[in-house]
N, C-alpha and C. Protein backbone atom coordinates (compact mmCIF):
# COMPACT_ATOMS: atom_id res chain seq x y z
N MET A 1 0.82 -1.20 0.03
CA MET A 1 -0.04 -0.05 0.01
C MET A 1 0.90 1.32 0.07
N GLN A 2 0.59 2.15 -0.92
CA GLN A 2 1.20 3.29 -1.09
C GLN A 2 1.00 4.44 0.09
N ARG A 3 1.88 4.97 0.77
CA ARG A 3 1.60 6.02 1.76
C ARG A 3 1.12 7.27 1.18
N LYS A 4 0.28 7.96 1.95
CA LYS A 4 -0.14 9.24 1.61
C LYS A 4 0.97 10.31 1.77
N PRO A 5 1.12 11.24 0.94
CA PRO A 5 2.15 12.30 1.10
C PRO A 5 1.78 13.09 2.31
N LYS A 6 2.83 13.60 3.01
CA LYS A 6 2.53 14.45 4.15
C LYS A 6 2.61 15.92 3.70
N LEU A 7 1.70 16.68 4.24
CA LEU A 7 1.53 17.98 3.92
C LEU A 7 1.44 18.79 5.18
N VAL A 8 2.11 20.02 5.21
CA VAL A 8 1.91 20.95 6.24
C VAL A 8 1.30 22.22 5.63
N VAL A 9 0.23 22.70 6.30
CA VAL A 9 -0.38 23.92 5.80
C VAL A 9 -0.25 25.00 6.88
N LEU A 10 0.43 26.05 6.50
CA LEU A 10 0.50 27.16 7.51
C LEU A 10 -0.25 28.35 7.02
N ASP A 11 -1.12 28.81 7.84
CA ASP A 11 -1.96 30.03 7.48
C ASP A 11 -2.80 30.50 8.70
N ASP A 12 -2.68 31.75 9.00
CA ASP A 12 -3.44 32.12 10.12
C ASP A 12 -4.79 32.54 9.75
N ASN A 13 -5.26 32.45 8.44
CA ASN A 13 -6.59 32.38 8.02
C ASN A 13 -7.11 31.05 8.08
N GLU A 14 -7.99 30.68 9.18
CA GLU A 14 -8.51 29.45 9.39
C GLU A 14 -9.39 28.86 8.34
N ILE A 15 -10.13 29.83 7.79
CA ILE A 15 -11.08 29.49 6.69
C ILE A 15 -10.24 28.90 5.44
N PHE A 16 -9.20 29.72 5.11
CA PHE A 16 -8.39 29.24 3.88
C PHE A 16 -7.76 27.87 4.13
N ALA A 17 -7.25 27.86 5.34
CA ALA A 17 -6.64 26.44 5.77
C ALA A 17 -7.60 25.31 5.72
N ALA A 18 -8.72 25.55 6.20
CA ALA A 18 -9.85 24.52 6.23
C ALA A 18 -10.22 24.20 4.81
N LEU A 19 -10.33 25.15 3.94
CA LEU A 19 -10.51 24.85 2.53
C LEU A 19 -9.47 23.89 1.84
N LEU A 20 -8.29 24.12 2.18
CA LEU A 20 -7.18 23.26 1.71
C LEU A 20 -7.26 21.95 2.21
N VAL A 21 -7.59 21.87 3.53
CA VAL A 21 -7.68 20.46 4.20
C VAL A 21 -8.98 19.77 3.59
N ALA A 22 -10.02 20.49 3.47
CA ALA A 22 -11.10 19.85 2.94
C ALA A 22 -10.90 19.25 1.56
N ALA A 23 -10.18 19.97 0.70
CA ALA A 23 -9.96 19.55 -0.59
C ALA A 23 -8.88 18.35 -0.76
N LEU A 24 -8.07 18.25 0.24
CA LEU A 24 -7.00 17.26 0.13
C LEU A 24 -6.99 16.22 1.16
N GLU A 25 -7.86 16.19 2.09
CA GLU A 25 -7.80 15.39 3.30
C GLU A 25 -7.82 13.88 2.91
N GLY A 26 -8.48 13.44 2.00
CA GLY A 26 -8.50 12.05 1.61
C GLY A 26 -7.22 11.55 0.85
N GLU A 27 -6.52 12.47 0.29
CA GLU A 27 -5.27 12.00 -0.45
C GLU A 27 -3.96 12.30 0.17
N CYS A 28 -3.99 13.16 1.44
CA CYS A 28 -2.89 13.64 2.06
C CYS A 28 -2.94 13.44 3.52
N ASP A 29 -1.79 13.16 4.22
CA ASP A 29 -1.75 13.35 5.71
C ASP A 29 -1.35 14.73 6.05
N ILE A 30 -2.43 15.53 6.60
CA ILE A 30 -2.17 17.01 6.74
C ILE A 30 -2.15 17.36 8.15
N ARG A 31 -1.02 18.25 8.31
CA ARG A 31 -1.04 18.99 9.57
C ARG A 31 -1.15 20.55 9.40
N VAL A 32 -1.71 21.29 10.29
CA VAL A 32 -2.04 22.68 10.13
C VAL A 32 -1.33 23.51 11.31
N GLY A 33 -0.76 24.63 10.81
CA GLY A 33 -0.26 25.54 11.80
C GLY A 33 -0.69 26.90 11.54
N LYS A 34 -0.59 27.89 12.40
CA LYS A 34 -0.96 29.28 12.30
C LYS A 34 0.07 30.24 12.11
N ASN A 35 1.33 29.85 12.24
CA ASN A 35 2.54 30.77 12.10
C ASN A 35 3.79 30.05 11.82
N GLY A 36 4.82 30.80 11.46
CA GLY A 36 6.01 30.24 11.24
C GLY A 36 6.71 29.33 12.32
N ASN A 37 6.54 29.75 13.65
CA ASN A 37 7.08 28.95 14.63
C ASN A 37 6.46 27.61 14.76
N GLU A 38 5.07 27.54 14.58
CA GLU A 38 4.43 26.28 14.52
C GLU A 38 4.92 25.50 13.33
N GLY A 39 5.02 26.18 12.26
CA GLY A 39 5.34 25.51 10.83
C GLY A 39 6.76 24.84 11.08
N LYS A 40 7.65 25.61 11.68
CA LYS A 40 9.07 25.02 11.87
C LYS A 40 8.92 23.67 12.75
N GLN A 41 8.32 23.69 13.82
CA GLN A 41 7.96 22.61 14.72
C GLN A 41 7.41 21.46 14.02
N LEU A 42 6.42 21.74 13.28
CA LEU A 42 5.63 20.63 12.51
C LEU A 42 6.50 20.09 11.53
N CYS A 43 7.36 20.93 10.78
CA CYS A 43 8.13 20.29 9.84
C CYS A 43 9.27 19.53 10.45
N LEU A 44 9.79 19.86 11.52
CA LEU A 44 10.92 19.02 12.14
C LEU A 44 10.31 17.72 12.53
N ALA A 45 9.05 17.84 13.12
CA ALA A 45 8.38 16.48 13.68
C ALA A 45 7.89 15.64 12.59
N GLU A 46 7.31 16.17 11.62
CA GLU A 46 6.72 15.46 10.52
C GLU A 46 7.49 15.10 9.23
N ASN A 47 8.49 15.94 9.05
CA ASN A 47 9.29 15.81 7.77
C ASN A 47 8.27 15.70 6.53
N PRO A 48 7.62 16.74 6.25
CA PRO A 48 6.58 16.67 5.22
C PRO A 48 7.16 16.60 3.82
N ASP A 49 6.26 16.16 2.81
CA ASP A 49 6.71 16.12 1.44
C ASP A 49 6.46 17.43 0.82
N LEU A 50 5.59 18.31 1.38
CA LEU A 50 5.37 19.65 0.90
C LEU A 50 4.86 20.53 2.04
N LEU A 51 5.32 21.80 1.99
CA LEU A 51 4.87 22.80 2.81
C LEU A 51 4.00 23.88 2.10
N ILE A 52 2.82 24.11 2.47
CA ILE A 52 2.07 25.22 1.99
C ILE A 52 2.02 26.41 2.92
N THR A 53 2.60 27.61 2.62
CA THR A 53 2.60 28.57 3.54
C THR A 53 2.18 29.95 3.11
N ASP A 54 1.57 30.67 3.98
CA ASP A 54 1.34 32.09 3.80
C ASP A 54 2.52 32.92 3.99
N ILE A 55 2.55 34.28 3.76
CA ILE A 55 3.59 35.04 3.95
C ILE A 55 3.35 35.92 5.33
N GLY A 56 2.23 36.44 5.32
CA GLY A 56 1.87 37.34 6.40
C GLY A 56 1.20 36.60 7.60
N MET A 57 2.05 36.11 8.64
CA MET A 57 1.57 35.43 9.71
C MET A 57 2.09 36.12 10.97
N PRO A 58 1.41 35.88 12.12
CA PRO A 58 1.97 36.46 13.45
C PRO A 58 3.20 35.55 13.84
N GLN A 59 3.95 36.28 14.81
CA GLN A 59 5.11 35.70 15.43
C GLN A 59 6.23 35.44 14.53
N LEU A 60 6.13 34.57 13.54
CA LEU A 60 7.20 34.46 12.53
C LEU A 60 6.65 34.38 11.19
N ASP A 61 6.83 35.34 10.32
CA ASP A 61 6.09 35.28 9.08
C ASP A 61 6.77 34.31 7.97
N GLY A 62 6.09 34.14 6.90
CA GLY A 62 6.66 33.20 5.95
C GLY A 62 8.08 33.47 5.49
N ILE A 63 8.47 34.69 5.18
CA ILE A 63 9.86 34.99 4.90
C ILE A 63 10.86 34.70 5.94
N GLN A 64 10.51 35.10 7.14
CA GLN A 64 11.47 34.70 8.28
C GLN A 64 11.55 33.27 8.51
N MET A 65 10.43 32.54 8.33
CA MET A 65 10.45 31.10 8.48
C MET A 65 11.37 30.52 7.38
N LEU A 66 11.20 30.90 6.08
CA LEU A 66 12.14 30.42 5.16
C LEU A 66 13.69 30.70 5.43
N GLN A 67 13.92 31.84 6.02
CA GLN A 67 15.21 32.16 6.42
C GLN A 67 15.74 31.09 7.46
N GLU A 68 14.80 30.83 8.38
CA GLU A 68 15.12 29.80 9.38
C GLU A 68 15.41 28.53 8.82
N PHE A 69 14.64 28.15 7.78
CA PHE A 69 14.66 26.90 7.10
C PHE A 69 16.15 26.70 6.51
N GLN A 70 16.58 27.80 5.91
CA GLN A 70 17.84 27.83 5.25
C GLN A 70 19.04 27.42 6.20
N LYS A 71 18.95 27.76 7.43
CA LYS A 71 19.80 27.32 8.54
C LYS A 71 19.96 25.83 8.99
N ASP A 72 18.92 25.16 8.52
CA ASP A 72 18.76 23.75 8.91
C ASP A 72 18.66 22.85 7.72
N GLY A 73 19.52 21.89 7.49
CA GLY A 73 19.50 21.12 6.38
C GLY A 73 18.38 20.21 6.31
N ARG A 74 17.76 19.80 7.35
CA ARG A 74 16.57 18.95 7.41
C ARG A 74 15.40 19.79 6.76
N LEU A 75 15.37 21.11 7.04
CA LEU A 75 14.30 22.01 6.61
C LEU A 75 14.36 22.51 5.26
N SER A 76 15.65 22.78 4.92
CA SER A 76 15.98 23.50 3.68
C SER A 76 15.62 22.66 2.51
N LYS A 77 15.45 21.31 2.64
CA LYS A 77 15.06 20.35 1.46
C LYS A 77 13.51 20.27 1.31
N ILE A 78 12.77 20.72 2.23
CA ILE A 78 11.36 20.61 2.11
C ILE A 78 10.88 21.62 0.99
N PRO A 79 10.13 21.08 0.00
CA PRO A 79 9.56 21.98 -1.06
C PRO A 79 8.41 22.74 -0.54
N VAL A 80 8.32 24.00 -0.99
CA VAL A 80 7.44 24.88 -0.53
C VAL A 80 6.50 25.57 -1.65
N ILE A 81 5.31 25.68 -1.40
CA ILE A 81 4.27 26.54 -2.18
C ILE A 81 3.80 27.65 -1.35
N VAL A 82 4.15 28.93 -1.84
CA VAL A 82 3.63 30.07 -1.08
C VAL A 82 2.34 30.48 -1.80
N VAL A 83 1.30 30.63 -0.79
CA VAL A 83 -0.08 31.06 -1.16
C VAL A 83 -0.41 32.24 -0.26
N THR A 84 -0.43 33.50 -0.95
CA THR A 84 -0.73 34.69 -0.10
C THR A 84 -1.76 35.47 -0.60
N ALA A 85 -2.35 36.44 0.27
CA ALA A 85 -3.37 37.23 -0.29
C ALA A 85 -2.78 38.51 -0.96
N THR A 86 -2.12 39.34 -0.18
CA THR A 86 -1.64 40.63 -0.82
C THR A 86 -0.21 40.78 -0.43
N HIS A 87 0.61 39.97 0.06
CA HIS A 87 1.88 40.23 0.53
C HIS A 87 2.84 40.36 -0.71
N PHE A 88 2.56 39.86 -1.95
CA PHE A 88 3.37 40.08 -2.97
C PHE A 88 3.39 41.48 -3.53
N VAL A 89 2.50 42.35 -2.94
CA VAL A 89 2.62 43.82 -3.35
C VAL A 89 3.62 44.35 -2.40
N ARG A 90 3.64 43.95 -1.12
CA ARG A 90 4.65 44.52 -0.19
C ARG A 90 6.04 43.81 -0.26
N ARG A 91 6.01 42.61 -0.59
CA ARG A 91 7.30 41.76 -0.56
C ARG A 91 7.43 41.40 -2.09
N ASN A 92 8.45 41.64 -2.65
CA ASN A 92 8.76 41.34 -4.01
C ASN A 92 8.90 39.87 -4.20
N ARG A 93 8.36 39.44 -5.45
CA ARG A 93 8.36 38.07 -5.83
C ARG A 93 9.76 37.41 -5.85
N SER A 94 10.65 38.39 -6.18
CA SER A 94 12.14 37.83 -6.20
C SER A 94 12.68 37.56 -4.81
N GLU A 95 12.19 38.36 -3.86
CA GLU A 95 12.55 38.07 -2.47
C GLU A 95 12.14 36.59 -2.02
N VAL A 96 10.87 36.28 -2.37
CA VAL A 96 10.38 34.97 -2.04
C VAL A 96 11.05 33.98 -2.85
N GLY A 97 11.28 34.20 -4.20
CA GLY A 97 11.76 33.29 -5.07
C GLY A 97 13.19 32.94 -4.84
N ARG A 98 13.98 33.68 -4.00
CA ARG A 98 15.28 33.44 -3.84
C ARG A 98 15.63 32.25 -2.98
N TYR A 99 14.51 31.62 -2.42
CA TYR A 99 14.69 30.52 -1.56
C TYR A 99 14.45 29.25 -2.57
N PRO A 100 15.55 28.42 -2.70
CA PRO A 100 15.40 27.33 -3.69
C PRO A 100 14.32 26.35 -3.49
N GLN A 101 13.93 26.24 -2.22
CA GLN A 101 12.79 25.32 -2.00
C GLN A 101 11.35 25.73 -2.37
N VAL A 102 11.28 27.09 -2.74
CA VAL A 102 9.98 27.57 -3.15
C VAL A 102 9.66 27.13 -4.58
N ARG A 103 8.63 26.18 -4.76
CA ARG A 103 8.38 25.74 -6.14
C ARG A 103 7.43 26.65 -6.86
N ARG A 104 6.41 27.28 -6.07
CA ARG A 104 5.45 27.97 -6.69
C ARG A 104 4.93 29.15 -5.70
N MET A 105 4.53 30.26 -6.39
CA MET A 105 4.07 31.47 -5.62
C MET A 105 2.66 31.73 -6.26
N LEU A 106 1.63 31.55 -5.41
CA LEU A 106 0.31 31.66 -5.77
C LEU A 106 -0.45 32.72 -4.99
N PHE A 107 -1.53 33.19 -5.42
CA PHE A 107 -2.46 34.12 -4.73
C PHE A 107 -3.66 33.46 -4.19
N LYS A 108 -4.19 33.83 -3.04
CA LYS A 108 -5.36 33.30 -2.39
C LYS A 108 -6.52 33.65 -3.32
N THR A 109 -6.49 34.67 -4.06
CA THR A 109 -7.52 35.07 -4.97
C THR A 109 -7.67 34.13 -6.18
N ASP A 110 -6.74 33.26 -6.43
CA ASP A 110 -6.81 32.25 -7.45
C ASP A 110 -7.98 31.27 -7.14
N ASP A 111 -8.56 30.72 -8.03
CA ASP A 111 -9.63 29.76 -7.83
C ASP A 111 -8.93 28.70 -6.89
N ILE A 112 -9.67 28.27 -5.91
CA ILE A 112 -9.09 27.16 -4.89
C ILE A 112 -8.86 25.82 -5.90
N LYS A 113 -9.55 25.60 -6.80
CA LYS A 113 -9.38 24.42 -7.66
C LYS A 113 -8.01 24.50 -8.29
N ASN A 114 -7.62 25.61 -8.79
CA ASN A 114 -6.23 25.85 -9.30
C ASN A 114 -5.34 25.74 -8.40
N ILE A 115 -5.44 26.19 -7.11
CA ILE A 115 -4.46 26.09 -6.01
C ILE A 115 -4.17 24.62 -5.72
N VAL A 116 -5.31 23.87 -5.51
CA VAL A 116 -5.31 22.44 -5.20
C VAL A 116 -4.68 21.67 -6.38
N LEU A 117 -4.92 22.08 -7.63
CA LEU A 117 -4.23 21.47 -8.77
C LEU A 117 -2.74 21.62 -8.77
N GLU A 118 -2.29 22.78 -8.39
CA GLU A 118 -0.76 23.10 -8.18
C GLU A 118 -0.22 22.14 -7.08
N ILE A 119 -0.96 21.99 -6.05
CA ILE A 119 -0.41 21.24 -4.88
C ILE A 119 -0.28 19.84 -5.42
N ARG A 120 -1.35 19.27 -6.05
CA ARG A 120 -1.31 17.91 -6.55
C ARG A 120 -0.31 17.61 -7.39
N ASN A 121 0.05 18.63 -8.41
CA ASN A 121 1.02 18.53 -9.40
C ASN A 121 2.51 18.33 -8.62
N GLU A 122 2.55 19.17 -7.61
CA GLU A 122 3.87 19.10 -6.84
C GLU A 122 3.98 17.77 -6.11
N LEU A 123 2.87 17.07 -5.75
CA LEU A 123 3.00 15.90 -5.01
C LEU A 123 2.92 14.67 -6.07
N LYS A 124 2.92 14.83 -7.27
CA LYS A 124 2.92 13.69 -8.10
C LYS A 124 4.13 12.76 -7.85
N GLY A 125 3.91 11.45 -7.89
CA GLY A 125 4.91 10.52 -7.61
C GLY A 125 4.89 9.86 -6.22
N PHE A 126 3.80 10.34 -5.36
CA PHE A 126 3.84 9.75 -4.00
C PHE A 126 2.55 8.73 -4.03
């Protein structure tokens, strides 16, 4: 029996996180956190196949978290999809894209079906 891919979803918007969980729960083993500190702990504990993260989060935002991930070889290898609402306006795409583990940068205003499709495409092979 093939194992389900492990996915960590980080977003302080509980509704958006719940939408992702509802769309993927049958096909992925999903853990959810609300900020970068929780994300770092979840990723260390779970060693996920993919991390979905927002940029603007309390305590430790997505950029700060990615900076922390670069310092730890276990975390720097986890592929990341960034899904954010407005933070690409304030934070340049090139700033986010400089982290090699970032595979895609998406907006929450995209159709949820398209976001889920991008996640599934990244998880192909599991």
